[in-house]
C-alpha atoms as a PDB file:
ATOM      1  CA  MET A   1     -28.875 -30.921  34.555  1.00  0.00           C
ATOM      2  CA  ALA A   2     -30.831 -33.836  35.981  1.00  0.00           C
ATOM      3  CA  ARG A   3     -29.167 -36.449  38.063  1.00  0.00           C
ATOM      4  CA  GLY A   4     -27.710 -39.274  36.018  1.00  0.00           C
ATOM      5  CA  GLU A   5     -27.397 -37.344  32.744  1.00  0.00           C
ATOM      6  CA  LEU A   6     -24.077 -37.541  30.975  1.00  0.00           C
ATOM      7  CA  LYS A   7     -22.060 -34.454  30.079  1.00  0.00           C
ATOM      8  CA  LYS A   8     -19.947 -34.138  26.996  1.00  0.00           C
ATOM      9  CA  LEU A   9     -16.298 -34.443  27.883  1.00  0.00           C
ATOM     10  CA  SER A  10     -15.444 -31.242  26.002  1.00  0.00           C
ATOM     11  CA  SER A  11     -17.934 -29.230  28.080  1.00  0.00           C
ATOM     12  CA  LEU A  12     -16.000 -30.049  31.250  1.00  0.00           C
ATOM     13  CA  PHE A  13     -13.152 -27.817  30.118  1.00  0.00           C
ATOM     14  CA  ASP A  14     -15.187 -24.838  28.845  1.00  0.00           C
ATOM     15  CA  LYS A  15     -14.590 -22.660  31.905  1.00  0.00           C
ATOM     16  CA  TYR A  16     -10.830 -23.210  31.642  1.00  0.00           C
ATOM     17  CA  LYS A  17     -10.805 -22.332  27.940  1.00  0.00           C
ATOM     18  CA  GLU A  18     -12.443 -19.016  28.770  1.00  0.00           C
ATOM     19  CA  ARG A  19     -10.112 -18.068  31.625  1.00  0.00           C
ATOM     20  CA  LEU A  20      -6.670 -19.438  30.803  1.00  0.00           C
ATOM     21  CA  VAL A  21      -4.227 -17.767  28.443  1.00  0.00           C
ATOM     22  CA  ALA A  22      -1.661 -19.699  26.420  1.00  0.00           C
ATOM     23  CA  PRO A  23       1.920 -19.375  27.684  1.00  0.00           C
ATOM     24  CA  GLU A  24       4.581 -17.580  25.664  1.00  0.00           C
ATOM     25  CA  GLY A  25       6.111 -20.809  24.340  1.00  0.00           C
ATOM     26  CA  SER A  26       2.785 -22.090  23.044  1.00  0.00           C
ATOM     27  CA  VAL A  27       2.136 -18.872  21.128  1.00  0.00           C
ATOM     28  CA  ILE A  28       5.588 -19.043  19.535  1.00  0.00           C
ATOM     29  CA  ASP A  29       5.094 -22.712  18.624  1.00  0.00           C
ATOM     30  CA  ALA A  30       1.705 -21.948  17.068  1.00  0.00           C
ATOM     31  CA  PHE A  31       3.208 -19.090  15.034  1.00  0.00           C
ATOM     32  CA  VAL A  32       6.024 -21.335  13.769  1.00  0.00           C
ATOM     33  CA  GLU A  33       3.421 -23.924  12.701  1.00  0.00           C
ATOM     34  CA  VAL A  34       1.281 -21.292  10.944  1.00  0.00           C
ATOM     35  CA  VAL A  35       4.312 -19.975   9.044  1.00  0.00           C
ATOM     36  CA  ARG A  36       5.212 -23.542   8.052  1.00  0.00           C
ATOM     37  CA  ASP A  37       1.647 -24.208   6.846  1.00  0.00           C
ATOM     38  CA  LEU A  38       1.012 -20.920   5.034  1.00  0.00           C
ATOM     39  CA  PHE A  39       4.430 -20.032   3.667  1.00  0.00           C
ATOM     40  CA  GLU A  40       6.074 -23.475   3.547  1.00  0.00           C
ATOM     41  CA  PHE A  41       9.057 -21.983   5.338  1.00  0.00           C
ATOM     42  CA  GLU A  42      10.847 -23.319   8.443  1.00  0.00           C
ATOM     43  CA  VAL A  43      11.435 -20.705  11.134  1.00  0.00           C
ATOM     44  CA  ASN A  44      13.695 -21.259  14.100  1.00  0.00           C
ATOM     45  CA  ARG A  45      11.981 -20.550  17.435  1.00  0.00           C
ATOM     46  CA  ASP A  46      14.970 -18.405  18.424  1.00  0.00           C
ATOM     47  CA  LYS A  47      14.023 -15.866  15.733  1.00  0.00           C
ATOM     48  CA  ILE A  48      10.568 -15.222  17.253  1.00  0.00           C
ATOM     49  CA  ARG A  49       9.844 -13.147  20.363  1.00  0.00           C
ATOM     50  CA  TYR A  50       6.479 -12.750  22.081  1.00  0.00           C
ATOM     51  CA  ASN A  51       5.451 -10.144  24.644  1.00  0.00           C
ATOM     52  CA  PRO A  52       2.343 -11.451  26.468  1.00  0.00           C
ATOM     53  CA  THR A  53       1.441  -8.104  28.052  1.00  0.00           C
ATOM     54  CA  THR A  54       1.158  -6.295  24.695  1.00  0.00           C
ATOM     55  CA  LYS A  55       0.348  -9.478  22.734  1.00  0.00           C
ATOM     56  CA  THR A  56       3.015  -8.592  20.181  1.00  0.00           C
ATOM     57  CA  LEU A  57       4.992 -11.089  18.117  1.00  0.00           C
ATOM     58  CA  SER A  58       8.387  -9.942  16.841  1.00  0.00           C
ATOM     59  CA  ILE A  59      10.394 -11.547  14.069  1.00  0.00           C
ATOM     60  CA  VAL A  60      14.104 -10.984  14.722  1.00  0.00           C
ATOM     61  CA  GLY A  61      16.145 -10.533  11.554  1.00  0.00           C
ATOM     62  CA  MET A  62      14.615 -12.357   8.574  1.00  0.00           C
ATOM     63  CA  GLY A  63      13.301  -9.242   6.794  1.00  0.00           C
ATOM     64  CA  ILE A  64      11.914 -11.233   3.864  1.00  0.00           C
ATOM     65  CA  LEU A  65       9.752 -13.377   6.124  1.00  0.00           C
ATOM     66  CA  ARG A  66       8.600 -10.330   8.083  1.00  0.00           C
ATOM     67  CA  SER A  67       7.437  -8.570   4.905  1.00  0.00           C
ATOM     68  CA  GLU A  68       5.604 -11.696   3.673  1.00  0.00           C
ATOM     69  CA  VAL A  69       3.876 -12.122   7.036  1.00  0.00           C
ATOM     70  CA  LYS A  70       2.834  -8.446   7.033  1.00  0.00           C
ATOM     71  CA  LYS A  71       1.307  -8.862   3.553  1.00  0.00           C
ATOM     72  CA  ARG A  72      -0.872 -11.728   4.769  1.00  0.00           C
ATOM     73  CA  GLU A  73      -1.195 -10.542   8.367  1.00  0.00           C
ATOM     74  CA  GLN A  74      -4.972 -11.039   8.644  1.00  0.00           C
ATOM     75  CA  GLU A  75      -4.697 -14.612   7.400  1.00  0.00           C
ATOM     76  CA  VAL A  76      -1.945 -15.333   9.946  1.00  0.00           C
ATOM     77  CA  PHE A  77      -4.085 -13.845  12.741  1.00  0.00           C
ATOM     78  CA  ASP A  78      -7.077 -15.958  11.670  1.00  0.00           C
ATOM     79  CA  HIS A  79      -5.013 -19.136  11.839  1.00  0.00           C
ATOM     80  CA  LEU A  80      -3.537 -18.179  15.219  1.00  0.00           C
ATOM     81  CA  ARG A  81      -7.017 -17.437  16.612  1.00  0.00           C
ATOM     82  CA  GLY A  82      -8.147 -20.847  15.405  1.00  0.00           C
ATOM     83  CA  ARG A  83      -5.259 -22.586  17.166  1.00  0.00           C
ATOM     84  CA  LEU A  84      -5.035 -20.500  20.340  1.00  0.00           C
ATOM     85  CA  GLY A  85      -8.464 -18.919  20.767  1.00  0.00           C
ATOM     86  CA  ASP A  86      -9.362 -15.229  20.785  1.00  0.00           C
ATOM     87  CA  LYS A  87      -8.010 -14.565  24.250  1.00  0.00           C
ATOM     88  CA  SER A  88      -4.548 -16.051  23.658  1.00  0.00           C
ATOM     89  CA  ALA A  89      -3.928 -14.981  20.063  1.00  0.00           C
ATOM     90  CA  PRO A  90      -1.436 -12.136  19.458  1.00  0.00           C
ATOM     91  CA  LYS A  91      -2.752  -8.770  18.276  1.00  0.00           C
ATOM     92  CA  HIS A  92       0.332  -7.334  16.536  1.00  0.00           C
ATOM     93  CA  ILE A  93       3.233  -8.627  14.471  1.00  0.00           C
ATOM     94  CA  ILE A  94       6.375  -6.520  13.999  1.00  0.00           C
END
């Protein structure tokens, strides 16, 4: 880049987007939002668990919601990847 040229503001954060991983709370919040958007159902954050090492989301209790999420699992993953990025998105839902 030549001296005096302007950079896009979004390009300043590219290296951080590639390296940083979303914290556990952010993944849970994103999942709650996706469930609200796709299923029009409010989920309490206390009913969701996330294990960052295995990238697994768990729905505690709420068997009906769990079965609906499993039916549309790929769609849920697509929305989570869009909100969190490939690196931070969960890989499994149980």
